[in-house]
C-alpha atoms as a PDB file:
ATOM      1  CA  MET A   1       0.000   0.000   0.000  1.00  0.00           C
ATOM      2  CA  LYS A   2       2.895   2.358   0.800  1.00  0.00           C
ATOM      3  CA  LYS A   3       4.344   1.866  -2.689  1.00  0.00           C
ATOM      4  CA  THR A   4       0.923   2.482  -4.261  1.00  0.00           C
ATOM      5  CA  PHE A   5       0.610   5.731  -2.308  1.00  0.00           C
ATOM      6  CA  LYS A   6       4.065   6.805  -3.465  1.00  0.00           C
ATOM      7  CA  LEU A   7       3.145   6.243  -7.110  1.00  0.00           C
ATOM      8  CA  PHE A   8      -0.115   8.098  -6.681  1.00  0.00           C
ATOM      9  CA  ALA A   9       1.734  10.927  -4.940  1.00  0.00           C
ATOM     10  CA  LEU A  10       3.789  11.379  -8.106  1.00  0.00           C
ATOM     11  CA  VAL A  11       0.565  11.785 -10.071  1.00  0.00           C
ATOM     12  CA  LEU A  12      -0.771  14.283  -7.566  1.00  0.00           C
ATOM     13  CA  ALA A  13       2.487  16.243  -7.720  1.00  0.00           C
ATOM     14  CA  ALA A  14       1.489  17.281 -11.221  1.00  0.00           C
ATOM     15  CA  LEU A  15      -1.942  18.365 -10.060  1.00  0.00           C
ATOM     16  CA  LEU A  16      -0.407  20.547  -7.388  1.00  0.00           C
ATOM     17  CA  ALA A  17       1.881  22.127  -9.950  1.00  0.00           C
ATOM     18  CA  VAL A  18      -0.810  22.881 -12.497  1.00  0.00           C
ATOM     19  CA  THR A  19      -3.251  24.360 -10.000  1.00  0.00           C
ATOM     20  CA  CYS A  20      -0.488  26.591  -8.592  1.00  0.00           C
ATOM     21  CA  LEU A  21      -1.335  25.581  -5.011  1.00  0.00           C
ATOM     22  CA  SER A  22       2.352  25.341  -4.152  1.00  0.00           C
ATOM     23  CA  ALA A  23       5.777  25.499  -5.717  1.00  0.00           C
ATOM     24  CA  CYS A  24       5.403  21.760  -6.465  1.00  0.00           C
ATOM     25  CA  SER A  25       8.562  20.374  -4.979  1.00  0.00           C
ATOM     26  CA  LEU A  26       8.343  16.644  -5.584  1.00  0.00           C
ATOM     27  CA  LYS A  27      10.628  15.925  -2.637  1.00  0.00           C
ATOM     28  CA  ASP A  28       8.393  17.963  -0.322  1.00  0.00           C
ATOM     29  CA  ILE A  29       5.263  16.210  -1.557  1.00  0.00           C
ATOM     30  CA  LEU A  30       6.751  12.766  -1.069  1.00  0.00           C
ATOM     31  CA  GLY A  31       8.132  13.900   2.290  1.00  0.00           C
ATOM     32  CA  SER A  32       8.412  11.002   4.684  1.00  0.00           C
ATOM     33  CA  LEU A  33       7.578   8.345   2.100  1.00  0.00           C
ATOM     34  CA  SER A  34      10.253   5.767   1.468  1.00  0.00           C
ATOM     35  CA  PRO A  35      12.986   6.746  -1.013  1.00  0.00           C
ATOM     36  CA  ALA A  36      13.037   5.403  -4.559  1.00  0.00           C
ATOM     37  CA  LEU A  37      14.444   1.949  -5.033  1.00  0.00           C
ATOM     38  CA  PRO A  38      18.108   1.738  -6.094  1.00  0.00           C
ATOM     39  CA  GLY A  39      18.433   2.045  -9.841  1.00  0.00           C
ATOM     40  CA  SER A  40      15.018   3.694 -10.218  1.00  0.00           C
ATOM     41  CA  GLU A  41      16.214   7.241 -10.808  1.00  0.00           C
ATOM     42  CA  THR A  42      13.926   9.110 -13.176  1.00  0.00           C
ATOM     43  CA  PRO A  43      15.583  10.257 -16.402  1.00  0.00           C
ATOM     44  CA  GLU A  44      14.936  13.550 -18.100  1.00  0.00           C
ATOM     45  CA  PRO A  45      12.300  13.285 -20.851  1.00  0.00           C
ATOM     46  CA  GLU A  46      13.705  12.760 -24.309  1.00  0.00           C
ATOM     47  CA  ASN A  47      12.666  15.495 -26.716  1.00  0.00           C
ATOM     48  CA  THR A  48      12.350  13.744 -30.070  1.00  0.00           C
ATOM     49  CA  ALA A  49      11.819  17.004 -31.949  1.00  0.00           C
ATOM     50  CA  ASP A  50      13.670  20.292 -31.997  1.00  0.00           C
ATOM     51  CA  ASP A  51      13.117  22.913 -29.290  1.00  0.00           C
ATOM     52  CA  SER A  52      12.176  25.728 -31.670  1.00  0.00           C
ATOM     53  CA  GLY A  53       8.558  25.720 -30.520  1.00  0.00           C
ATOM     54  CA  GLY A  54       7.444  22.676 -32.478  1.00  0.00           C
ATOM     55  CA  SER A  55       6.078  22.168 -35.944  1.00  0.00           C
ATOM     56  CA  SER A  56       2.495  22.905 -36.985  1.00  0.00           C
ATOM     57  CA  GLU A  57       1.661  19.493 -35.545  1.00  0.00           C
ATOM     58  CA  GLY A  58       3.373  20.205 -32.214  1.00  0.00           C
ATOM     59  CA  THR A  59       6.437  18.764 -30.528  1.00  0.00           C
ATOM     60  CA  ARG A  60       6.897  15.042 -29.931  1.00  0.00           C
ATOM     61  CA  VAL A  61       8.379  14.186 -26.500  1.00  0.00           C
ATOM     62  CA  THR A  62       9.113  10.876 -24.777  1.00  0.00           C
ATOM     63  CA  PHE A  63       8.838  10.061 -21.070  1.00  0.00           C
ATOM     64  CA  LEU A  64      10.243   6.619 -20.258  1.00  0.00           C
ATOM     65  CA  ASP A  65       8.029   4.304 -22.377  1.00  0.00           C
ATOM     66  CA  LEU A  66       5.373   6.857 -23.444  1.00  0.00           C
ATOM     67  CA  THR A  67       5.557   9.359 -26.309  1.00  0.00           C
ATOM     68  CA  ILE A  68       3.127  12.252 -26.742  1.00  0.00           C
ATOM     69  CA  THR A  69       2.735  15.239 -29.055  1.00  0.00           C
ATOM     70  CA  VAL A  70       2.568  18.532 -27.144  1.00  0.00           C
ATOM     71  CA  PRO A  71       0.359  21.064 -28.986  1.00  0.00           C
ATOM     72  CA  GLU A  72       1.918  23.753 -31.151  1.00  0.00           C
ATOM     73  CA  GLY A  73       2.947  26.786 -29.110  1.00  0.00           C
ATOM     74  CA  PHE A  74       3.087  24.939 -25.785  1.00  0.00           C
ATOM     75  CA  GLN A  75       6.394  25.084 -23.924  1.00  0.00           C
ATOM     76  CA  LYS A  76       7.947  23.520 -20.843  1.00  0.00           C
ATOM     77  CA  SER A  77       7.049  25.565 -17.778  1.00  0.00           C
ATOM     78  CA  SER A  78       9.306  26.701 -14.956  1.00  0.00           C
ATOM     79  CA  MET A  79       6.802  24.887 -12.668  1.00  0.00           C
ATOM     80  CA  SER A  80       8.344  21.607 -13.859  1.00  0.00           C
ATOM     81  CA  THR A  81      10.216  19.605 -11.249  1.00  0.00           C
ATOM     82  CA  ASP A  82      12.119  16.327 -11.112  1.00  0.00           C
ATOM     83  CA  GLY A  83       9.625  13.693 -12.257  1.00  0.00           C
ATOM     84  CA  CYS A  84       6.905  16.251 -13.061  1.00  0.00           C
ATOM     85  CA  THR A  85       6.954  18.166 -16.366  1.00  0.00           C
ATOM     86  CA  VAL A  86       4.347  20.850 -17.120  1.00  0.00           C
ATOM     87  CA  TYR A  87       3.634  22.291 -20.591  1.00  0.00           C
ATOM     88  CA  VAL A  88       1.790  25.609 -20.912  1.00  0.00           C
ATOM     89  CA  PRO A  89       0.688  27.878 -23.797  1.00  0.00           C
ATOM     90  CA  GLY A  90       3.138  30.544 -24.911  1.00  0.00           C
ATOM     91  CA  ASP A  91       0.990  33.289 -23.341  1.00  0.00           C
ATOM     92  CA  TRP A  92       0.861  31.649 -19.899  1.00  0.00           C
ATOM     93  CA  PRO A  93      -0.336  32.816 -17.362  1.00  0.00           C
ATOM     94  CA  LEU A  94      -2.914  34.627 -19.522  1.00  0.00           C
ATOM     95  CA  HIS A  95      -4.047  31.099 -20.399  1.00  0.00           C
ATOM     96  CA  SER A  96      -3.491  28.713 -17.499  1.00  0.00           C
ATOM     97  CA  ASP A  97      -4.541  25.607 -19.435  1.00  0.00           C
ATOM     98  CA  ASN A  98      -1.765  23.009 -19.339  1.00  0.00           C
ATOM     99  CA  ILE A  99      -0.572  19.450 -19.722  1.00  0.00           C
ATOM    100  CA  SER A 100       1.334  17.882 -16.841  1.00  0.00           C
ATOM    101  CA  ILE A 101       3.253  14.633 -17.070  1.00  0.00           C
ATOM    102  CA  THR A 102       4.632  12.644 -14.147  1.00  0.00           C
ATOM    103  CA  PHE A 103       6.811   9.598 -14.600  1.00  0.00           C
ATOM    104  CA  THR A 104       8.565   6.985 -12.511  1.00  0.00           C
ATOM    105  CA  SER A 105      10.365   3.713 -13.147  1.00  0.00           C
ATOM    106  CA  GLU A 106       8.277   2.084 -10.383  1.00  0.00           C
ATOM    107  CA  ALA A 107       5.167   0.630 -12.002  1.00  0.00           C
ATOM    108  CA  GLY A 108       2.821  -0.747  -9.351  1.00  0.00           C
ATOM    109  CA  SER A 109      -0.453  -2.392 -10.405  1.00  0.00           C
ATOM    110  CA  ALA A 110      -3.640  -1.054 -12.007  1.00  0.00           C
ATOM    111  CA  ASP A 111      -5.558  -3.103  -9.434  1.00  0.00           C
ATOM    112  CA  ASN A 112      -4.452  -0.640  -6.759  1.00  0.00           C
ATOM    113  CA  TYR A 113      -6.258   2.247  -8.456  1.00  0.00           C
ATOM    114  CA  THR A 114      -9.989   2.372  -7.762  1.00  0.00           C
ATOM    115  CA  SER A 115     -12.608   4.995  -8.467  1.00  0.00           C
ATOM    116  CA  GLU A 116     -13.041   5.606  -4.762  1.00  0.00           C
ATOM    117  CA  ASN A 117      -9.388   5.947  -3.760  1.00  0.00           C
ATOM    118  CA  ILE A 118      -8.500   8.256  -6.656  1.00  0.00           C
ATOM    119  CA  LYS A 119     -11.420  10.584  -5.929  1.00  0.00           C
ATOM    120  CA  GLN A 120     -10.606  10.596  -2.223  1.00  0.00           C
ATOM    121  CA  MET A 121      -6.908  11.356  -2.846  1.00  0.00           C
ATOM    122  CA  LEU A 122      -7.814  14.165  -5.262  1.00  0.00           C
ATOM    123  CA  GLU A 123     -10.155  15.809  -2.769  1.00  0.00           C
ATOM    124  CA  GLU A 124      -7.733  15.436   0.137  1.00  0.00           C
ATOM    125  CA  THR A 125      -4.764  16.757  -1.831  1.00  0.00           C
ATOM    126  CA  LEU A 126      -6.509  19.603  -3.650  1.00  0.00           C
ATOM    127  CA  GLN A 127      -8.689  20.388  -0.610  1.00  0.00           C
ATOM    128  CA  THR A 128     -11.750  20.940  -2.767  1.00  0.00           C
ATOM    129  CA  GLU A 129     -14.766  18.990  -3.958  1.00  0.00           C
ATOM    130  CA  VAL A 130     -14.353  16.892  -7.093  1.00  0.00           C
ATOM    131  CA  THR A 131     -17.486  17.021  -9.278  1.00  0.00           C
ATOM    132  CA  ASN A 132     -18.591  15.514 -12.621  1.00  0.00           C
ATOM    133  CA  TYR A 133     -16.303  12.602 -11.773  1.00  0.00           C
ATOM    134  CA  LYS A 134     -15.890   9.726 -14.253  1.00  0.00           C
ATOM    135  CA  PHE A 135     -13.530   6.779 -13.871  1.00  0.00           C
ATOM    136  CA  SER A 136     -12.537   3.913 -16.156  1.00  0.00           C
ATOM    137  CA  LYS A 137      -9.831   1.323 -16.804  1.00  0.00           C
ATOM    138  CA  ASP A 138      -8.745  -0.167 -20.117  1.00  0.00           C
ATOM    139  CA  LYS A 139      -5.681  -1.389 -22.003  1.00  0.00           C
ATOM    140  CA  VAL A 140      -3.801   0.650 -24.601  1.00  0.00           C
ATOM    141  CA  GLU A 141      -1.001  -0.902 -26.636  1.00  0.00           C
ATOM    142  CA  GLY A 142      -0.440  -3.500 -23.920  1.00  0.00           C
ATOM    143  CA  ALA A 143      -0.337  -0.971 -21.077  1.00  0.00           C
ATOM    144  CA  ASP A 144      -2.964  -0.668 -18.347  1.00  0.00           C
ATOM    145  CA  ARG A 145      -4.629   2.752 -18.457  1.00  0.00           C
ATOM    146  CA  VAL A 146      -6.558   4.261 -15.565  1.00  0.00           C
ATOM    147  CA  SER A 147      -8.623   7.320 -16.551  1.00  0.00           C
ATOM    148  CA  ALA A 148     -10.332   9.912 -14.378  1.00  0.00           C
ATOM    149  CA  SER A 149     -12.053  13.072 -15.570  1.00  0.00           C
ATOM    150  CA  TYR A 150     -13.567  15.647 -13.232  1.00  0.00           C
ATOM    151  CA  ASN A 151     -14.090  19.315 -12.401  1.00  0.00           C
ATOM    152  CA  VAL A 152     -12.485  21.176  -9.510  1.00  0.00           C
ATOM    153  CA  VAL A 153     -12.617  24.787  -8.346  1.00  0.00           C
ATOM    154  CA  VAL A 154      -9.304  26.033  -6.976  1.00  0.00           C
ATOM    155  CA  ASN A 155      -8.894  29.586  -5.691  1.00  0.00           C
ATOM    156  CA  GLY A 156     -12.217  30.436  -7.355  1.00  0.00           C
ATOM    157  CA  ILE A 157     -11.099  29.116 -10.756  1.00  0.00           C
ATOM    158  CA  SER A 158     -13.099  26.266 -12.294  1.00  0.00           C
ATOM    159  CA  MET A 159     -11.108  23.745 -14.287  1.00  0.00           C
ATOM    160  CA  ASP A 160     -11.852  20.465 -16.017  1.00  0.00           C
ATOM    161  CA  GLN A 161      -9.119  17.877 -15.752  1.00  0.00           C
ATOM    162  CA  GLU A 162      -8.557  14.514 -17.388  1.00  0.00           C
ATOM    163  CA  MET A 163      -5.919  12.308 -15.784  1.00  0.00           C
ATOM    164  CA  LEU A 164      -4.571   9.277 -17.659  1.00  0.00           C
ATOM    165  CA  ILE A 165      -2.310   6.900 -15.745  1.00  0.00           C
ATOM    166  CA  TYR A 166      -0.378   4.431 -17.928  1.00  0.00           C
ATOM    167  CA  ILE A 167       1.088   1.432 -16.100  1.00  0.00           C
ATOM    168  CA  ILE A 168       3.506  -0.110 -18.559  1.00  0.00           C
ATOM    169  CA  GLY A 169       4.175  -3.694 -17.520  1.00  0.00           C
ATOM    170  CA  LYS A 170       6.518  -3.812 -14.582  1.00  0.00           C
ATOM    171  CA  LYS A 171       8.741  -1.133 -16.152  1.00  0.00           C
ATOM    172  CA  SER A 172       7.219   2.277 -15.572  1.00  0.00           C
ATOM    173  CA  MET A 173       4.233   4.480 -14.824  1.00  0.00           C
ATOM    174  CA  VAL A 174       3.494   7.677 -16.733  1.00  0.00           C
ATOM    175  CA  SER A 175       0.593   9.969 -15.877  1.00  0.00           C
ATOM    176  CA  VAL A 176      -0.697  12.633 -18.269  1.00  0.00           C
ATOM    177  CA  THR A 177      -3.129  15.276 -16.957  1.00  0.00           C
ATOM    178  CA  PHE A 178      -4.887  17.752 -19.240  1.00  0.00           C
ATOM    179  CA  THR A 179      -6.157  20.870 -17.446  1.00  0.00           C
ATOM    180  CA  ASN A 180      -8.786  22.854 -19.332  1.00  0.00           C
ATOM    181  CA  VAL A 181      -9.510  26.316 -17.917  1.00  0.00           C
ATOM    182  CA  SER A 182     -10.306  28.554 -20.898  1.00  0.00           C
ATOM    183  CA  GLY A 183     -11.974  26.009 -23.171  1.00  0.00           C
ATOM    184  CA  GLU A 184      -9.736  27.157 -26.040  1.00  0.00           C
ATOM    185  CA  PHE A 185      -7.526  24.050 -26.197  1.00  0.00           C
ATOM    186  CA  VAL A 186     -10.125  21.259 -26.126  1.00  0.00           C
ATOM    187  CA  ASN A 187      -9.314  20.124 -29.688  1.00  0.00           C
ATOM    188  CA  ASP A 188      -5.558  20.434 -29.093  1.00  0.00           C
ATOM    189  CA  PHE A 189      -5.818  18.303 -25.972  1.00  0.00           C
ATOM    190  CA  ALA A 190      -7.921  15.683 -27.791  1.00  0.00           C
ATOM    191  CA  ALA A 191      -5.289  15.486 -30.551  1.00  0.00           C
ATOM    192  CA  SER A 192      -2.509  15.260 -27.978  1.00  0.00           C
ATOM    193  CA  LYS A 193      -4.320  12.455 -26.149  1.00  0.00           C
ATOM    194  CA  ALA A 194      -4.839  10.591 -29.447  1.00  0.00           C
ATOM    195  CA  SER A 195      -1.114  10.951 -30.250  1.00  0.00           C
ATOM    196  CA  ILE A 196       0.031   8.940 -27.213  1.00  0.00           C
ATOM    197  CA  THR A 197       2.012   5.817 -28.086  1.00  0.00           C
ATOM    198  CA  ILE A 198       3.608   3.195 -25.839  1.00  0.00           C
ATOM    199  CA  ASP A 199       7.036   1.707 -26.639  1.00  0.00           C
END
């Protein structure tokens, strides 16, 4: 259970970053939890495209065993921390919509993620009510995927979030969270979600 909580804490680290509730220090969030296993250090994401802002289709980036296309004009935010990368529009903070990606070489099991425990952890961590909550599990390219979509209001700002947790065999876990605040990037986020591939 402790290991499951640690993995979920990595996912929630991204949520804390994107809602600007704190400076999102992954070490602070994990706090007294046990340290990572030897040999499980998290590598920097591999950028498989140039850093010039991306092509008209966006920029393709890889996190451990997952590759995703970040929408055109989105860039890596200074909110990013070790194990938690946040992409924001070029005019951020005017638009606070974002994509956050957390990743770890500790995989865990999809069986440990239930509708009830994810909703409870979200509400406890974000300290707000989670509404319009939907939860599902499926398989994508051989990986277990846990999906949760919901609405939260943080500091008076309403945002829709979709969190996708990919558990890739016993190798890794990558979580992708799309945060929609303005409603202007719905199609971009759908295309980005559809672009996800598993190695």
